[in-house]
Amino acid sequence: MFAVILVEPEHPHNVGFVARSMRSNGLSDLRIVRKSKPLPKKCYDTAHASAEVLDNAKIFSTLKEAIADCSYTVAFSRRLFDTIVPHISLPALPSVCKEKNGTIALIFGRESCGLSFEEIELCAVQCEIPVAGLMSLNLSHAVSVASYELCRSGLLGEGLAHRNKLPITHRKPATIEQLENLEKFIRENISDRYKKQPWINASIRAWLQKLNPTQAELSALFGLLKSLAR
């Protein structure tokens, strides 16, 4: 289980974007360290279809309180501090998290200055998102990239492996019977000039076999040819 913790976020729209990113990647536990509550209404402006994440967000006065029930803590920062807290790059994070139990906190700092040295010291590991140049990512972008990496690795919900796949019937290869039906339809609807050609039957069959269509593709092709025939 993962919790996303934002430490004193400065722009409400970023908080909304974070909620949207979390929802997209199967995360729901949002914790925010800030001096006041409730959250500004502007947070909801950018939380498309993710208002529930904001509604259930927990507000804490300090980072120490926010991570009290967590078993492992990951501080995201571009800056390197002179600290004993080990440093890893984002691609290594999934393998580290796979070995942990309980709630893993993903901690992100302020847009202007990130996490402080003291806040880094509260964490088990410091994680850097590698980017070209010396730039750092926007807060909501950093959350998106980090959560996507975990989701891609199968650590969030069902992961990406079960997303956006076509139904089984759309991936099944077309059967011989289906190919023969289409072949028959083509022979019946081509002009007399081609019907008399000795090579036509073998050519149509070879053409369909080279296409190697799925059942869905063959059905679409059949529909297109019927439309043209009419």
C-alpha atoms as a PDB file:
ATOM      1  CA  MET A   1       0.000   0.000   0.000  1.00  0.00           C
ATOM      2  CA  PHE A   2       1.267   3.456  -0.909  1.00  0.00           C
ATOM      3  CA  ALA A   3       0.503   6.905   0.481  1.00  0.00           C
ATOM      4  CA  VAL A   4       1.378  10.136  -1.325  1.00  0.00           C
ATOM      5  CA  ILE A   5       2.455  12.888   1.061  1.00  0.00           C
ATOM      6  CA  LEU A   6       2.730  16.508  -0.066  1.00  0.00           C
ATOM      7  CA  VAL A   7       4.706  18.725   2.278  1.00  0.00           C
ATOM      8  CA  GLU A   8       3.354  22.280   2.288  1.00  0.00           C
ATOM      9  CA  PRO A   9       2.292  22.460  -1.377  1.00  0.00           C
ATOM     10  CA  GLU A  10       2.175  26.075  -2.504  1.00  0.00           C
ATOM     11  CA  HIS A  11      -0.167  25.938  -5.494  1.00  0.00           C
ATOM     12  CA  PRO A  12      -3.701  24.523  -5.118  1.00  0.00           C
ATOM     13  CA  HIS A  13      -3.886  23.556  -8.779  1.00  0.00           C
ATOM     14  CA  ASN A  14      -0.905  21.267  -8.296  1.00  0.00           C
ATOM     15  CA  VAL A  15      -2.736  19.478  -5.495  1.00  0.00           C
ATOM     16  CA  GLY A  16      -5.654  18.854  -7.866  1.00  0.00           C
ATOM     17  CA  PHE A  17      -3.332  17.559 -10.564  1.00  0.00           C
ATOM     18  CA  VAL A  18      -1.714  15.241  -8.013  1.00  0.00           C
ATOM     19  CA  ALA A  19      -5.139  13.834  -7.108  1.00  0.00           C
ATOM     20  CA  ARG A  20      -5.868  13.211 -10.781  1.00  0.00           C
ATOM     21  CA  SER A  21      -2.534  11.461 -11.257  1.00  0.00           C
ATOM     22  CA  MET A  22      -3.138   9.307  -8.199  1.00  0.00           C
ATOM     23  CA  ARG A  23      -6.560   8.271  -9.438  1.00  0.00           C
ATOM     24  CA  SER A  24      -5.099   7.410 -12.833  1.00  0.00           C
ATOM     25  CA  ASN A  25      -2.506   5.130 -11.265  1.00  0.00           C
ATOM     26  CA  GLY A  26      -4.643   3.398  -8.660  1.00  0.00           C
ATOM     27  CA  LEU A  27      -3.618   5.449  -5.617  1.00  0.00           C
ATOM     28  CA  SER A  28      -6.086   6.886  -3.121  1.00  0.00           C
ATOM     29  CA  ASP A  29      -4.214   7.711   0.113  1.00  0.00           C
ATOM     30  CA  LEU A  30      -3.327  11.410  -0.122  1.00  0.00           C
ATOM     31  CA  ARG A  31      -1.797  13.145   2.895  1.00  0.00           C
ATOM     32  CA  ILE A  32      -0.939  16.811   3.033  1.00  0.00           C
ATOM     33  CA  VAL A  33       1.242  18.660   5.511  1.00  0.00           C
ATOM     34  CA  ARG A  34      -0.092  22.201   5.842  1.00  0.00           C
ATOM     35  CA  LYS A  35      -0.976  24.721   8.524  1.00  0.00           C
ATOM     36  CA  SER A  36      -4.683  24.993   7.821  1.00  0.00           C
ATOM     37  CA  LYS A  37      -7.644  23.004   6.574  1.00  0.00           C
ATOM     38  CA  PRO A  38      -9.805  22.372   4.657  1.00  0.00           C
ATOM     39  CA  LEU A  39      -8.118  22.358   1.279  1.00  0.00           C
ATOM     40  CA  PRO A  40      -8.609  25.420  -0.943  1.00  0.00           C
ATOM     41  CA  LYS A  41     -11.492  25.068  -3.386  1.00  0.00           C
ATOM     42  CA  LYS A  42      -9.080  25.742  -6.250  1.00  0.00           C
ATOM     43  CA  CYS A  43      -7.633  22.271  -5.702  1.00  0.00           C
ATOM     44  CA  TYR A  44     -10.812  20.822  -7.182  1.00  0.00           C
ATOM     45  CA  ASP A  45     -10.503  22.847 -10.389  1.00  0.00           C
ATOM     46  CA  THR A  46      -7.805  20.507 -11.715  1.00  0.00           C
ATOM     47  CA  ALA A  47      -8.875  17.255 -10.024  1.00  0.00           C
ATOM     48  CA  HIS A  48     -10.872  15.942 -12.961  1.00  0.00           C
ATOM     49  CA  ALA A  49     -12.848  12.849 -11.888  1.00  0.00           C
ATOM     50  CA  SER A  50     -10.692  12.730  -8.757  1.00  0.00           C
ATOM     51  CA  ALA A  51     -12.602  14.819  -6.228  1.00  0.00           C
ATOM     52  CA  GLU A  52     -12.948  11.742  -4.021  1.00  0.00           C
ATOM     53  CA  VAL A  53      -9.172  11.663  -3.526  1.00  0.00           C
ATOM     54  CA  LEU A  54      -9.267  15.246  -2.268  1.00  0.00           C
ATOM     55  CA  ASP A  55     -12.365  14.648  -0.150  1.00  0.00           C
ATOM     56  CA  ASN A  56     -10.569  11.849   1.681  1.00  0.00           C
ATOM     57  CA  ALA A  57      -7.193  13.581   1.943  1.00  0.00           C
ATOM     58  CA  LYS A  58      -5.765  13.738   5.462  1.00  0.00           C
ATOM     59  CA  ILE A  59      -4.242  16.977   6.748  1.00  0.00           C
ATOM     60  CA  PHE A  60      -1.298  16.919   9.184  1.00  0.00           C
ATOM     61  CA  SER A  61       0.631  19.624  10.979  1.00  0.00           C
ATOM     62  CA  THR A  62       4.032  17.964  10.520  1.00  0.00           C
ATOM     63  CA  LEU A  63       5.647  15.363   8.304  1.00  0.00           C
ATOM     64  CA  LYS A  64       6.440  13.280  11.374  1.00  0.00           C
ATOM     65  CA  GLU A  65       2.726  12.982  12.110  1.00  0.00           C
ATOM     66  CA  ALA A  66       1.913  12.172   8.494  1.00  0.00           C
ATOM     67  CA  ILE A  67       4.302   9.194   8.391  1.00  0.00           C
ATOM     68  CA  ALA A  68       3.561   7.865  11.901  1.00  0.00           C
ATOM     69  CA  ASP A  69       1.671   4.788  10.654  1.00  0.00           C
ATOM     70  CA  CYS A  70       3.935   4.110   7.663  1.00  0.00           C
ATOM     71  CA  SER A  71       6.476   1.307   7.558  1.00  0.00           C
ATOM     72  CA  TYR A  72       8.781   2.768   4.890  1.00  0.00           C
ATOM     73  CA  THR A  73       9.408   6.313   3.665  1.00  0.00           C
ATOM     74  CA  VAL A  74      10.723   7.579   0.336  1.00  0.00           C
ATOM     75  CA  ALA A  75      11.747  11.227   0.000  1.00  0.00           C
ATOM     76  CA  PHE A  76      11.743  12.593  -3.539  1.00  0.00           C
ATOM     77  CA  SER A  77      14.347  15.268  -4.129  1.00  0.00           C
ATOM     78  CA  ARG A  78      16.642  16.424  -6.914  1.00  0.00           C
ATOM     79  CA  ARG A  79      19.152  17.832  -4.439  1.00  0.00           C
ATOM     80  CA  LEU A  80      21.710  15.629  -2.706  1.00  0.00           C
ATOM     81  CA  PHE A  81      22.205  16.217   1.001  1.00  0.00           C
ATOM     82  CA  ASP A  82      25.180  15.285   3.165  1.00  0.00           C
ATOM     83  CA  THR A  83      23.249  12.625   5.022  1.00  0.00           C
ATOM     84  CA  ILE A  84      23.414   8.922   5.812  1.00  0.00           C
ATOM     85  CA  VAL A  85      20.030   8.450   4.094  1.00  0.00           C
ATOM     86  CA  PRO A  86      20.811   6.290   1.031  1.00  0.00           C
ATOM     87  CA  HIS A  87      20.169   7.686  -2.437  1.00  0.00           C
ATOM     88  CA  ILE A  88      18.561   5.808  -5.337  1.00  0.00           C
ATOM     89  CA  SER A  89      17.260   6.660  -8.792  1.00  0.00           C
ATOM     90  CA  LEU A  90      13.588   6.171  -9.660  1.00  0.00           C
ATOM     91  CA  PRO A  91      14.088   3.072 -11.874  1.00  0.00           C
ATOM     92  CA  ALA A  92      15.438   1.246  -8.798  1.00  0.00           C
ATOM     93  CA  LEU A  93      12.457   2.146  -6.593  1.00  0.00           C
ATOM     94  CA  PRO A  94      10.073  -0.687  -7.613  1.00  0.00           C
ATOM     95  CA  SER A  95      12.554  -3.395  -6.651  1.00  0.00           C
ATOM     96  CA  VAL A  96      13.100  -1.708  -3.287  1.00  0.00           C
ATOM     97  CA  CYS A  97       9.371  -1.402  -2.606  1.00  0.00           C
ATOM     98  CA  LYS A  98       8.668  -5.030  -3.526  1.00  0.00           C
ATOM     99  CA  GLU A  99      10.598  -6.091  -0.448  1.00  0.00           C
ATOM    100  CA  LYS A 100       8.577  -3.915   1.945  1.00  0.00           C
ATOM    101  CA  ASN A 101       5.342  -4.520   3.818  1.00  0.00           C
ATOM    102  CA  GLY A 102       2.817  -2.080   5.254  1.00  0.00           C
ATOM    103  CA  THR A 103       2.272   1.464   4.002  1.00  0.00           C
ATOM    104  CA  ILE A 104       5.044   3.019   1.921  1.00  0.00           C
ATOM    105  CA  ALA A 105       5.058   6.813   1.983  1.00  0.00           C
ATOM    106  CA  LEU A 106       6.032   8.691  -1.181  1.00  0.00           C
ATOM    107  CA  ILE A 107       6.994  12.139   0.058  1.00  0.00           C
ATOM    108  CA  PHE A 108       7.198  15.251  -2.141  1.00  0.00           C
ATOM    109  CA  GLY A 109       8.291  18.730  -1.087  1.00  0.00           C
ATOM    110  CA  ARG A 110       7.370  22.317  -1.797  1.00  0.00           C
ATOM    111  CA  GLU A 111       7.359  23.608  -5.373  1.00  0.00           C
ATOM    112  CA  SER A 112       9.830  26.380  -4.543  1.00  0.00           C
ATOM    113  CA  CYS A 113      12.400  24.586  -2.395  1.00  0.00           C
ATOM    114  CA  GLY A 114      11.494  20.924  -2.043  1.00  0.00           C
ATOM    115  CA  LEU A 115      12.111  19.016   1.171  1.00  0.00           C
ATOM    116  CA  SER A 116      14.365  20.307   3.920  1.00  0.00           C
ATOM    117  CA  PHE A 117      17.397  18.478   5.292  1.00  0.00           C
ATOM    118  CA  GLU A 118      15.460  17.659   8.461  1.00  0.00           C
ATOM    119  CA  GLU A 119      12.588  16.194   6.452  1.00  0.00           C
ATOM    120  CA  ILE A 120      14.968  14.082   4.363  1.00  0.00           C
ATOM    121  CA  GLU A 121      16.487  12.771   7.591  1.00  0.00           C
ATOM    122  CA  LEU A 122      13.086  11.400   8.629  1.00  0.00           C
ATOM    123  CA  CYS A 123      13.020   9.115   5.590  1.00  0.00           C
ATOM    124  CA  ALA A 124      14.485   5.702   4.853  1.00  0.00           C
ATOM    125  CA  VAL A 125      15.673   6.530   1.351  1.00  0.00           C
ATOM    126  CA  GLN A 126      16.021   9.511  -0.943  1.00  0.00           C
ATOM    127  CA  CYS A 127      14.842   9.021  -4.530  1.00  0.00           C
ATOM    128  CA  GLU A 128      15.796  11.137  -7.525  1.00  0.00           C
ATOM    129  CA  ILE A 129      13.810  11.270 -10.753  1.00  0.00           C
ATOM    130  CA  PRO A 130      16.515  11.461 -13.431  1.00  0.00           C
ATOM    131  CA  VAL A 131      15.955  14.172 -16.024  1.00  0.00           C
ATOM    132  CA  ALA A 132      18.137  15.770 -18.674  1.00  0.00           C
ATOM    133  CA  GLY A 133      19.903  18.941 -17.604  1.00  0.00           C
ATOM    134  CA  LEU A 134      19.699  20.566 -14.187  1.00  0.00           C
ATOM    135  CA  MET A 135      15.961  21.173 -14.162  1.00  0.00           C
ATOM    136  CA  SER A 136      13.544  19.659 -11.676  1.00  0.00           C
ATOM    137  CA  LEU A 137      10.013  18.504 -12.396  1.00  0.00           C
ATOM    138  CA  ASN A 138       6.867  20.310 -11.334  1.00  0.00           C
ATOM    139  CA  LEU A 139       5.330  18.785  -8.196  1.00  0.00           C
ATOM    140  CA  SER A 140       2.376  17.178  -9.950  1.00  0.00           C
ATOM    141  CA  HIS A 141       4.623  15.922 -12.756  1.00  0.00           C
ATOM    142  CA  ALA A 142       6.973  14.332 -10.252  1.00  0.00           C
ATOM    143  CA  VAL A 143       4.081  12.509  -8.589  1.00  0.00           C
ATOM    144  CA  SER A 144       2.828  11.377 -12.001  1.00  0.00           C
ATOM    145  CA  VAL A 145       6.198  10.028 -13.117  1.00  0.00           C
ATOM    146  CA  ALA A 146       6.867   8.262  -9.815  1.00  0.00           C
ATOM    147  CA  SER A 147       3.428   6.685  -9.543  1.00  0.00           C
ATOM    148  CA  TYR A 148       3.500   5.624 -13.196  1.00  0.00           C
ATOM    149  CA  GLU A 149       6.819   3.862 -12.637  1.00  0.00           C
ATOM    150  CA  LEU A 150       5.319   1.927  -9.727  1.00  0.00           C
ATOM    151  CA  CYS A 151       2.152   1.197 -11.690  1.00  0.00           C
ATOM    152  CA  ARG A 152       4.143   0.054 -14.721  1.00  0.00           C
ATOM    153  CA  SER A 153       6.011  -2.349 -12.457  1.00  0.00           C
ATOM    154  CA  GLY A 154       2.750  -3.879 -11.254  1.00  0.00           C
ATOM    155  CA  LEU A 155       2.899  -2.507  -7.703  1.00  0.00           C
ATOM    156  CA  LEU A 156      -0.251  -0.382  -7.842  1.00  0.00           C
ATOM    157  CA  GLY A 157      -3.550  -2.218  -8.023  1.00  0.00           C
ATOM    158  CA  GLU A 158      -3.522  -4.502 -11.049  1.00  0.00           C
ATOM    159  CA  GLY A 159      -0.826  -2.425 -12.719  1.00  0.00           C
ATOM    160  CA  LEU A 160      -0.632  -1.612 -16.387  1.00  0.00           C
ATOM    161  CA  ALA A 161      -0.577  -5.262 -17.412  1.00  0.00           C
ATOM    162  CA  HIS A 162      -4.373  -5.446 -17.202  1.00  0.00           C
ATOM    163  CA  ARG A 163      -5.156  -2.031 -18.612  1.00  0.00           C
ATOM    164  CA  ASN A 164      -6.539  -1.109 -22.000  1.00  0.00           C
ATOM    165  CA  LYS A 165      -6.332  -4.625 -23.419  1.00  0.00           C
ATOM    166  CA  LEU A 166      -8.736  -5.580 -26.140  1.00  0.00           C
ATOM    167  CA  PRO A 167     -11.220  -8.315 -25.299  1.00  0.00           C
ATOM    168  CA  ILE A 168      -9.997 -11.844 -25.994  1.00  0.00           C
ATOM    169  CA  THR A 169     -12.223 -12.139 -29.073  1.00  0.00           C
ATOM    170  CA  HIS A 170     -10.474  -9.112 -30.588  1.00  0.00           C
ATOM    171  CA  ARG A 171      -7.086 -10.823 -30.316  1.00  0.00           C
ATOM    172  CA  LYS A 172      -8.054 -14.277 -31.581  1.00  0.00           C
ATOM    173  CA  PRO A 173      -6.851 -15.103 -35.112  1.00  0.00           C
ATOM    174  CA  ALA A 174      -9.506 -15.509 -37.760  1.00  0.00           C
ATOM    175  CA  THR A 175     -10.606 -19.100 -38.346  1.00  0.00           C
ATOM    176  CA  ILE A 176     -10.364 -21.016 -41.623  1.00  0.00           C
ATOM    177  CA  GLU A 177     -14.135 -20.946 -41.907  1.00  0.00           C
ATOM    178  CA  GLN A 178     -14.237 -17.170 -41.532  1.00  0.00           C
ATOM    179  CA  LEU A 179     -11.496 -16.734 -44.130  1.00  0.00           C
ATOM    180  CA  GLU A 180     -13.338 -19.030 -46.534  1.00  0.00           C
ATOM    181  CA  ASN A 181     -16.552 -17.045 -46.079  1.00  0.00           C
ATOM    182  CA  LEU A 182     -14.778 -13.834 -46.956  1.00  0.00           C
ATOM    183  CA  GLU A 183     -13.018 -15.495 -49.883  1.00  0.00           C
ATOM    184  CA  LYS A 184     -16.372 -16.723 -51.185  1.00  0.00           C
ATOM    185  CA  PHE A 185     -17.881 -13.251 -50.838  1.00  0.00           C
ATOM    186  CA  ILE A 186     -15.011 -11.695 -52.793  1.00  0.00           C
ATOM    187  CA  ARG A 187     -15.315 -14.261 -55.603  1.00  0.00           C
ATOM    188  CA  GLU A 188     -19.058 -13.652 -55.852  1.00  0.00           C
ATOM    189  CA  ASN A 189     -18.699  -9.884 -56.082  1.00  0.00           C
ATOM    190  CA  ILE A 190     -15.699  -9.330 -58.322  1.00  0.00           C
ATOM    191  CA  SER A 191     -16.287  -8.514 -61.981  1.00  0.00           C
ATOM    192  CA  ASP A 192     -16.610 -11.232 -64.629  1.00  0.00           C
ATOM    193  CA  ARG A 193     -13.251 -10.218 -66.018  1.00  0.00           C
ATOM    194  CA  TYR A 194     -11.514 -11.427 -62.865  1.00  0.00           C
ATOM    195  CA  LYS A 195     -13.755 -14.423 -62.244  1.00  0.00           C
ATOM    196  CA  LYS A 196     -12.407 -16.013 -65.411  1.00  0.00           C
ATOM    197  CA  GLN A 197      -8.769 -15.681 -64.394  1.00  0.00           C
ATOM    198  CA  PRO A 198      -7.262 -19.083 -63.396  1.00  0.00           C
ATOM    199  CA  TRP A 199      -5.061 -17.548 -60.704  1.00  0.00           C
ATOM    200  CA  ILE A 200      -7.782 -15.587 -58.887  1.00  0.00           C
ATOM    201  CA  ASN A 201      -8.804 -18.175 -56.255  1.00  0.00           C
ATOM    202  CA  ALA A 202      -5.255 -18.972 -55.198  1.00  0.00           C
ATOM    203  CA  SER A 203      -4.356 -15.270 -55.123  1.00  0.00           C
ATOM    204  CA  ILE A 204      -7.280 -14.310 -52.910  1.00  0.00           C
ATOM    205  CA  ARG A 205      -6.465 -17.163 -50.518  1.00  0.00           C
ATOM    206  CA  ALA A 206      -2.757 -16.226 -50.405  1.00  0.00           C
ATOM    207  CA  TRP A 207      -3.622 -12.574 -49.834  1.00  0.00           C
ATOM    208  CA  LEU A 208      -5.869 -13.355 -46.862  1.00  0.00           C
ATOM    209  CA  GLN A 209      -3.271 -15.665 -45.331  1.00  0.00           C
ATOM    210  CA  LYS A 210      -0.584 -12.995 -45.602  1.00  0.00           C
ATOM    211  CA  LEU A 211      -2.858 -10.540 -43.818  1.00  0.00           C
ATOM    212  CA  ASN A 212      -3.175 -12.997 -40.925  1.00  0.00           C
ATOM    213  CA  PRO A 213      -6.133 -10.983 -39.542  1.00  0.00           C
ATOM    214  CA  THR A 214      -7.688 -11.298 -36.129  1.00  0.00           C
ATOM    215  CA  GLN A 215     -11.386 -12.085 -35.890  1.00  0.00           C
ATOM    216  CA  ALA A 216     -12.127  -8.413 -35.207  1.00  0.00           C
ATOM    217  CA  GLU A 217     -10.016  -7.238 -38.152  1.00  0.00           C
ATOM    218  CA  LEU A 218     -11.625  -9.744 -40.487  1.00  0.00           C
ATOM    219  CA  SER A 219     -15.076  -8.666 -39.362  1.00  0.00           C
ATOM    220  CA  ALA A 220     -14.193  -5.027 -40.051  1.00  0.00           C
ATOM    221  CA  LEU A 221     -12.806  -5.905 -43.479  1.00  0.00           C
ATOM    222  CA  PHE A 222     -15.897  -7.967 -44.298  1.00  0.00           C
ATOM    223  CA  GLY A 223     -18.119  -5.039 -43.359  1.00  0.00           C
ATOM    224  CA  LEU A 224     -16.095  -2.638 -45.491  1.00  0.00           C
ATOM    225  CA  LEU A 225     -16.259  -4.921 -48.544  1.00  0.00           C
ATOM    226  CA  LYS A 226     -20.011  -5.411 -48.123  1.00  0.00           C
ATOM    227  CA  SER A 227     -20.456  -1.661 -47.998  1.00  0.00           C
ATOM    228  CA  LEU A 228     -18.414  -1.210 -51.196  1.00  0.00           C
ATOM    229  CA  ALA A 229     -20.348  -4.020 -52.893  1.00  0.00           C
ATOM    230  CA  ARG A 230     -23.646  -2.250 -52.202  1.00  0.00           C
END
